């Protein structure tokens, strides 16, 4: 099996879907700008700095899902896809995915599956490993289900997904992972072909030390 793994935010997308979802809700007046905008930026800065407390962030990001019916959230998401996500999908990112057609393609992201599942479909990628919001009776509770798909959690979630298919990352004929972030170093170190995509400074330095390819989709 050949495995192609893609980080989503700032890798396939020219931006961050998690950050933009919160900004979309703020701009619609669903979330109070004074309360949420500064916190949204602070969490994003912490992510980039490698200091993010994922549980604290998920409490911030998932709680609003519990306050609205799923049908309303789905309608907002369709609008969000048109307004925020479509402009962040570059032809170069679509071409990168196309180069791996015929392989097992997976988007693996820390962003929750409510936000990212429609984006994965837009790229024509069948498999998604994402942080899972807790659902009860078809509605979101505001909690998280299982291990967040973040840092070492990405490795754990991928290994569990592969095991469910009777596979393991060590048994793949070729495994490629594209990412922009030093937060993904735990998984980048596990694959046979790590690729840094428009990387942050920490990942760029690490890629240089390890001799990993560095590419740009910009």
C-alpha atoms as a PDB file:
ATOM      1  CA  UNK A   1       0.000   0.000   0.000  1.00  0.00           C
ATOM      2  CA  UNK A   2       1.151   3.515  -0.848  1.00  0.00           C
ATOM      3  CA  UNK A   3      -0.086   6.071   1.681  1.00  0.00           C
ATOM      4  CA  UNK A   4      -0.324   9.815   1.029  1.00  0.00           C
ATOM      5  CA  UNK A   5      -1.056  11.943   4.088  1.00  0.00           C
ATOM      6  CA  UNK A   6      -1.906  15.639   3.865  1.00  0.00           C
ATOM      7  CA  UNK A   7      -2.081  18.171   6.648  1.00  0.00           C
ATOM      8  CA  UNK A   8      -4.865  20.637   5.868  1.00  0.00           C
ATOM      9  CA  UNK A   9      -4.384  24.082   7.384  1.00  0.00           C
ATOM     10  CA  UNK A  10      -1.634  26.144   5.749  1.00  0.00           C
ATOM     11  CA  UNK A  11      -0.694  23.055   3.722  1.00  0.00           C
ATOM     12  CA  UNK A  12      -3.473  22.123   1.296  1.00  0.00           C
ATOM     13  CA  UNK A  13      -5.275  25.315   2.294  1.00  0.00           C
ATOM     14  CA  UNK A  14      -3.757  28.778   1.996  1.00  0.00           C
ATOM     15  CA  UNK A  15      -4.966  29.569   5.500  1.00  0.00           C
ATOM     16  CA  UNK A  16      -6.333  27.981   8.648  1.00  0.00           C
ATOM     17  CA  UNK A  17      -9.857  26.521   8.552  1.00  0.00           C
ATOM     18  CA  UNK A  18     -10.184  26.410  12.352  1.00  0.00           C
ATOM     19  CA  UNK A  19      -9.267  30.070  12.761  1.00  0.00           C
ATOM     20  CA  UNK A  20     -11.511  31.090   9.856  1.00  0.00           C
ATOM     21  CA  UNK A  21     -14.529  29.156  11.210  1.00  0.00           C
ATOM     22  CA  UNK A  22     -14.389  31.130  14.446  1.00  0.00           C
ATOM     23  CA  UNK A  23     -13.922  34.382  12.514  1.00  0.00           C
ATOM     24  CA  UNK A  24     -16.879  33.477  10.304  1.00  0.00           C
ATOM     25  CA  UNK A  25     -19.096  32.996  13.371  1.00  0.00           C
ATOM     26  CA  UNK A  26     -17.839  36.279  14.828  1.00  0.00           C
ATOM     27  CA  UNK A  27     -18.561  38.152  11.590  1.00  0.00           C
ATOM     28  CA  UNK A  28     -22.083  36.685  11.492  1.00  0.00           C
ATOM     29  CA  UNK A  29     -22.682  37.877  15.057  1.00  0.00           C
ATOM     30  CA  UNK A  30     -23.044  34.301  16.352  1.00  0.00           C
ATOM     31  CA  UNK A  31     -20.062  34.813  18.637  1.00  0.00           C
ATOM     32  CA  UNK A  32     -19.387  38.053  20.477  1.00  0.00           C
ATOM     33  CA  UNK A  33     -16.473  39.821  18.772  1.00  0.00           C
ATOM     34  CA  UNK A  34     -15.195  41.460  21.948  1.00  0.00           C
ATOM     35  CA  UNK A  35     -15.063  38.149  23.796  1.00  0.00           C
ATOM     36  CA  UNK A  36     -13.956  35.748  21.063  1.00  0.00           C
ATOM     37  CA  UNK A  37     -11.756  37.551  18.535  1.00  0.00           C
ATOM     38  CA  UNK A  38      -8.772  38.164  20.812  1.00  0.00           C
ATOM     39  CA  UNK A  39      -8.953  34.599  22.169  1.00  0.00           C
ATOM     40  CA  UNK A  40      -9.135  33.159  18.663  1.00  0.00           C
ATOM     41  CA  UNK A  41      -5.997  35.059  17.675  1.00  0.00           C
ATOM     42  CA  UNK A  42      -4.240  34.095  20.909  1.00  0.00           C
ATOM     43  CA  UNK A  43      -4.903  30.393  20.353  1.00  0.00           C
ATOM     44  CA  UNK A  44      -3.663  30.659  16.760  1.00  0.00           C
ATOM     45  CA  UNK A  45      -0.475  32.371  17.933  1.00  0.00           C
ATOM     46  CA  UNK A  46       0.040  29.647  20.544  1.00  0.00           C
ATOM     47  CA  UNK A  47      -0.385  26.974  17.875  1.00  0.00           C
ATOM     48  CA  UNK A  48       2.265  28.605  15.697  1.00  0.00           C
ATOM     49  CA  UNK A  49       4.588  28.947  18.694  1.00  0.00           C
ATOM     50  CA  UNK A  50       4.132  25.303  19.700  1.00  0.00           C
ATOM     51  CA  UNK A  51       2.638  26.188  23.081  1.00  0.00           C
ATOM     52  CA  UNK A  52      -1.027  25.391  22.420  1.00  0.00           C
ATOM     53  CA  UNK A  53      -2.989  23.566  25.131  1.00  0.00           C
ATOM     54  CA  UNK A  54      -5.146  21.480  22.812  1.00  0.00           C
ATOM     55  CA  UNK A  55      -7.800  20.710  25.440  1.00  0.00           C
ATOM     56  CA  UNK A  56      -8.231  24.399  26.302  1.00  0.00           C
ATOM     57  CA  UNK A  57      -8.469  25.263  22.625  1.00  0.00           C
ATOM     58  CA  UNK A  58     -11.004  22.522  21.893  1.00  0.00           C
ATOM     59  CA  UNK A  59     -13.201  23.759  24.726  1.00  0.00           C
ATOM     60  CA  UNK A  60     -13.129  27.188  23.055  1.00  0.00           C
ATOM     61  CA  UNK A  61     -13.715  25.829  19.544  1.00  0.00           C
ATOM     62  CA  UNK A  62     -16.299  23.100  20.184  1.00  0.00           C
ATOM     63  CA  UNK A  63     -18.547  24.742  22.774  1.00  0.00           C
ATOM     64  CA  UNK A  64     -20.276  26.979  20.182  1.00  0.00           C
ATOM     65  CA  UNK A  65     -21.300  23.852  18.235  1.00  0.00           C
ATOM     66  CA  UNK A  66     -23.396  22.735  21.198  1.00  0.00           C
ATOM     67  CA  UNK A  67     -25.461  25.935  21.232  1.00  0.00           C
ATOM     68  CA  UNK A  68     -27.090  25.509  17.825  1.00  0.00           C
ATOM     69  CA  UNK A  69     -29.028  22.737  16.042  1.00  0.00           C
ATOM     70  CA  UNK A  70     -27.040  20.683  13.546  1.00  0.00           C
ATOM     71  CA  UNK A  71     -29.243  21.812  10.653  1.00  0.00           C
ATOM     72  CA  UNK A  72     -28.373  25.438  11.428  1.00  0.00           C
ATOM     73  CA  UNK A  73     -24.672  24.638  11.740  1.00  0.00           C
ATOM     74  CA  UNK A  74     -24.745  22.804   8.413  1.00  0.00           C
ATOM     75  CA  UNK A  75     -26.343  25.792   6.696  1.00  0.00           C
ATOM     76  CA  UNK A  76     -23.711  28.120   8.157  1.00  0.00           C
ATOM     77  CA  UNK A  77     -20.982  25.714   7.071  1.00  0.00           C
ATOM     78  CA  UNK A  78     -22.168  25.765   3.455  1.00  0.00           C
ATOM     79  CA  UNK A  79     -21.879  29.553   3.519  1.00  0.00           C
ATOM     80  CA  UNK A  80     -18.479  29.331   5.219  1.00  0.00           C
ATOM     81  CA  UNK A  81     -17.252  26.974   2.468  1.00  0.00           C
ATOM     82  CA  UNK A  82     -18.226  29.501  -0.209  1.00  0.00           C
ATOM     83  CA  UNK A  83     -16.956  32.599   1.562  1.00  0.00           C
ATOM     84  CA  UNK A  84     -13.876  31.425   3.463  1.00  0.00           C
ATOM     85  CA  UNK A  85     -12.661  28.064   2.165  1.00  0.00           C
ATOM     86  CA  UNK A  86     -13.099  28.279  -1.601  1.00  0.00           C
ATOM     87  CA  UNK A  87     -10.688  31.249  -1.862  1.00  0.00           C
ATOM     88  CA  UNK A  88      -8.065  29.259   0.095  1.00  0.00           C
ATOM     89  CA  UNK A  89      -8.021  26.268  -2.274  1.00  0.00           C
ATOM     90  CA  UNK A  90      -5.194  26.740  -4.777  1.00  0.00           C
ATOM     91  CA  UNK A  91      -4.818  24.937  -8.090  1.00  0.00           C
ATOM     92  CA  UNK A  92      -1.357  23.853  -6.937  1.00  0.00           C
ATOM     93  CA  UNK A  93      -2.875  22.061  -3.928  1.00  0.00           C
ATOM     94  CA  UNK A  94      -5.402  20.267  -6.129  1.00  0.00           C
ATOM     95  CA  UNK A  95      -2.559  19.253  -8.471  1.00  0.00           C
ATOM     96  CA  UNK A  96      -0.548  17.872  -5.542  1.00  0.00           C
ATOM     97  CA  UNK A  97      -3.470  15.682  -4.491  1.00  0.00           C
ATOM     98  CA  UNK A  98      -3.946  14.526  -8.088  1.00  0.00           C
ATOM     99  CA  UNK A  99      -0.337  13.328  -8.232  1.00  0.00           C
ATOM    100  CA  UNK A 100      -1.211  10.808  -5.541  1.00  0.00           C
ATOM    101  CA  UNK A 101      -4.372   9.408  -7.113  1.00  0.00           C
ATOM    102  CA  UNK A 102      -4.249   5.629  -6.931  1.00  0.00           C
ATOM    103  CA  UNK A 103      -2.641   5.772  -3.508  1.00  0.00           C
ATOM    104  CA  UNK A 104      -4.549   5.723  -0.221  1.00  0.00           C
ATOM    105  CA  UNK A 105      -5.023   9.450   0.372  1.00  0.00           C
ATOM    106  CA  UNK A 106      -5.836  10.816   3.839  1.00  0.00           C
ATOM    107  CA  UNK A 107      -6.242  14.311   5.223  1.00  0.00           C
ATOM    108  CA  UNK A 108      -4.958  14.224   8.788  1.00  0.00           C
ATOM    109  CA  UNK A 109      -5.674  17.380  10.767  1.00  0.00           C
ATOM    110  CA  UNK A 110      -6.091  18.709  14.279  1.00  0.00           C
ATOM    111  CA  UNK A 111      -9.133  20.689  13.142  1.00  0.00           C
ATOM    112  CA  UNK A 112     -12.421  19.026  14.019  1.00  0.00           C
ATOM    113  CA  UNK A 113     -14.274  16.838  11.538  1.00  0.00           C
ATOM    114  CA  UNK A 114     -17.372  19.065  11.409  1.00  0.00           C
ATOM    115  CA  UNK A 115     -15.280  21.845   9.905  1.00  0.00           C
ATOM    116  CA  UNK A 116     -13.024  19.639   7.776  1.00  0.00           C
ATOM    117  CA  UNK A 117     -15.151  16.807   6.345  1.00  0.00           C
ATOM    118  CA  UNK A 118     -16.720  19.000   3.623  1.00  0.00           C
ATOM    119  CA  UNK A 119     -13.242  20.343   2.785  1.00  0.00           C
ATOM    120  CA  UNK A 120     -11.883  16.812   2.367  1.00  0.00           C
ATOM    121  CA  UNK A 121     -14.789  16.076   0.023  1.00  0.00           C
ATOM    122  CA  UNK A 122     -13.987  19.220  -1.954  1.00  0.00           C
ATOM    123  CA  UNK A 123     -10.479  17.851  -2.539  1.00  0.00           C
ATOM    124  CA  UNK A 124     -11.912  14.462  -3.482  1.00  0.00           C
ATOM    125  CA  UNK A 125     -10.115  12.787  -0.574  1.00  0.00           C
ATOM    126  CA  UNK A 126     -12.127   9.908   0.848  1.00  0.00           C
ATOM    127  CA  UNK A 127     -10.356   9.433   4.163  1.00  0.00           C
ATOM    128  CA  UNK A 128     -10.203  11.988   6.985  1.00  0.00           C
ATOM    129  CA  UNK A 129      -8.522  11.696  10.364  1.00  0.00           C
ATOM    130  CA  UNK A 130      -9.529  14.718  12.427  1.00  0.00           C
ATOM    131  CA  UNK A 131     -10.364  15.659  15.986  1.00  0.00           C
ATOM    132  CA  UNK A 132     -13.855  14.287  16.631  1.00  0.00           C
ATOM    133  CA  UNK A 133     -16.504  16.412  18.344  1.00  0.00           C
ATOM    134  CA  UNK A 134     -18.693  14.455  20.731  1.00  0.00           C
ATOM    135  CA  UNK A 135     -22.192  13.853  19.375  1.00  0.00           C
ATOM    136  CA  UNK A 136     -25.286  12.818  21.323  1.00  0.00           C
ATOM    137  CA  UNK A 137     -28.640  12.203  19.615  1.00  0.00           C
ATOM    138  CA  UNK A 138     -27.305  13.778  16.456  1.00  0.00           C
ATOM    139  CA  UNK A 139     -26.271  17.033  18.110  1.00  0.00           C
ATOM    140  CA  UNK A 140     -22.890  18.275  19.314  1.00  0.00           C
ATOM    141  CA  UNK A 141     -22.276  18.297  23.078  1.00  0.00           C
ATOM    142  CA  UNK A 142     -19.358  20.751  23.003  1.00  0.00           C
ATOM    143  CA  UNK A 143     -16.944  18.018  24.097  1.00  0.00           C
ATOM    144  CA  UNK A 144     -14.348  15.986  22.247  1.00  0.00           C
ATOM    145  CA  UNK A 145     -14.513  12.265  21.517  1.00  0.00           C
ATOM    146  CA  UNK A 146     -11.326  10.237  21.828  1.00  0.00           C
ATOM    147  CA  UNK A 147      -7.778  11.467  21.256  1.00  0.00           C
ATOM    148  CA  UNK A 148      -7.390  14.847  19.548  1.00  0.00           C
ATOM    149  CA  UNK A 149      -5.546  14.541  16.234  1.00  0.00           C
ATOM    150  CA  UNK A 150      -2.737  16.844  17.338  1.00  0.00           C
ATOM    151  CA  UNK A 151       1.039  16.333  17.606  1.00  0.00           C
ATOM    152  CA  UNK A 152       1.601  12.795  18.995  1.00  0.00           C
ATOM    153  CA  UNK A 153      -2.156  12.301  18.790  1.00  0.00           C
ATOM    154  CA  UNK A 154      -1.880  12.295  14.999  1.00  0.00           C
ATOM    155  CA  UNK A 155       0.470   9.317  15.200  1.00  0.00           C
ATOM    156  CA  UNK A 156      -1.850   7.518  17.613  1.00  0.00           C
ATOM    157  CA  UNK A 157      -4.933   8.173  15.506  1.00  0.00           C
ATOM    158  CA  UNK A 158      -3.195   7.145  12.273  1.00  0.00           C
ATOM    159  CA  UNK A 159      -1.883   3.927  13.795  1.00  0.00           C
ATOM    160  CA  UNK A 160      -5.370   3.043  15.060  1.00  0.00           C
ATOM    161  CA  UNK A 161      -6.903   3.808  11.645  1.00  0.00           C
ATOM    162  CA  UNK A 162      -4.329   1.703   9.830  1.00  0.00           C
ATOM    163  CA  UNK A 163      -4.738  -1.159  12.325  1.00  0.00           C
ATOM    164  CA  UNK A 164      -8.484  -1.148  11.613  1.00  0.00           C
ATOM    165  CA  UNK A 165      -7.566  -1.829   7.978  1.00  0.00           C
ATOM    166  CA  UNK A 166      -5.074  -4.565   8.861  1.00  0.00           C
ATOM    167  CA  UNK A 167      -2.154  -2.280   8.027  1.00  0.00           C
ATOM    168  CA  UNK A 168       0.613  -0.415   9.818  1.00  0.00           C
ATOM    169  CA  UNK A 169       2.763   2.530   8.815  1.00  0.00           C
ATOM    170  CA  UNK A 170       5.877   0.341   8.905  1.00  0.00           C
ATOM    171  CA  UNK A 171       4.315  -2.076   6.412  1.00  0.00           C
ATOM    172  CA  UNK A 172       3.401   0.536   3.807  1.00  0.00           C
ATOM    173  CA  UNK A 173       5.301   0.363   0.527  1.00  0.00           C
ATOM    174  CA  UNK A 174       5.641   4.140   0.673  1.00  0.00           C
ATOM    175  CA  UNK A 175       4.264   6.701   3.107  1.00  0.00           C
ATOM    176  CA  UNK A 176       4.333  10.414   2.340  1.00  0.00           C
ATOM    177  CA  UNK A 177       3.249  13.222   4.645  1.00  0.00           C
ATOM    178  CA  UNK A 178       2.940  16.865   3.634  1.00  0.00           C
ATOM    179  CA  UNK A 179       2.867  19.489   6.389  1.00  0.00           C
ATOM    180  CA  UNK A 180       3.739  23.109   7.075  1.00  0.00           C
ATOM    181  CA  UNK A 181       4.081  22.892  10.857  1.00  0.00           C
ATOM    182  CA  UNK A 182       6.638  21.848  13.445  1.00  0.00           C
ATOM    183  CA  UNK A 183       3.653  20.579  15.447  1.00  0.00           C
ATOM    184  CA  UNK A 184       3.588  17.679  12.963  1.00  0.00           C
ATOM    185  CA  UNK A 185       7.174  16.562  13.595  1.00  0.00           C
ATOM    186  CA  UNK A 186       6.043  13.438  15.514  1.00  0.00           C
ATOM    187  CA  UNK A 187       4.267  12.136  12.396  1.00  0.00           C
ATOM    188  CA  UNK A 188       6.774  13.487   9.891  1.00  0.00           C
ATOM    189  CA  UNK A 189       9.418  11.391  11.656  1.00  0.00           C
ATOM    190  CA  UNK A 190       7.310   8.239  11.198  1.00  0.00           C
ATOM    191  CA  UNK A 191       6.787   8.287   7.429  1.00  0.00           C
ATOM    192  CA  UNK A 192       9.218   7.214   4.727  1.00  0.00           C
ATOM    193  CA  UNK A 193       8.815  10.446   2.717  1.00  0.00           C
ATOM    194  CA  UNK A 194       8.279  13.565   4.873  1.00  0.00           C
ATOM    195  CA  UNK A 195       7.761  16.783   2.885  1.00  0.00           C
ATOM    196  CA  UNK A 196       7.722  20.302   4.326  1.00  0.00           C
ATOM    197  CA  UNK A 197       5.224  22.585   2.546  1.00  0.00           C
ATOM    198  CA  UNK A 198       5.734  26.337   2.934  1.00  0.00           C
ATOM    199  CA  UNK A 199       7.069  25.433   6.395  1.00  0.00           C
ATOM    200  CA  UNK A 200       7.273  27.524   9.519  1.00  0.00           C
ATOM    201  CA  UNK A 201      10.786  28.476  10.618  1.00  0.00           C
ATOM    202  CA  UNK A 202      11.152  25.576  13.049  1.00  0.00           C
ATOM    203  CA  UNK A 203      10.096  22.965  10.504  1.00  0.00           C
ATOM    204  CA  UNK A 204      12.227  24.525   7.784  1.00  0.00           C
ATOM    205  CA  UNK A 205      15.299  24.303  10.018  1.00  0.00           C
ATOM    206  CA  UNK A 206      14.504  20.706  10.985  1.00  0.00           C
ATOM    207  CA  UNK A 207      13.890  19.735   7.350  1.00  0.00           C
ATOM    208  CA  UNK A 208      17.269  21.215   6.417  1.00  0.00           C
ATOM    209  CA  UNK A 209      18.999  19.211   9.122  1.00  0.00           C
ATOM    210  CA  UNK A 210      17.269  15.984   8.119  1.00  0.00           C
ATOM    211  CA  UNK A 211      17.548  16.520   4.363  1.00  0.00           C
ATOM    212  CA  UNK A 212      13.791  16.536   3.815  1.00  0.00           C
ATOM    213  CA  UNK A 213      12.394  18.138   0.656  1.00  0.00           C
ATOM    214  CA  UNK A 214      10.836  21.583   1.033  1.00  0.00           C
ATOM    215  CA  UNK A 215       8.191  22.666  -1.469  1.00  0.00           C
ATOM    216  CA  UNK A 216       5.891  25.650  -1.936  1.00  0.00           C
ATOM    217  CA  UNK A 217       2.265  25.669  -3.091  1.00  0.00           C
ATOM    218  CA  UNK A 218       2.103  29.452  -3.025  1.00  0.00           C
END
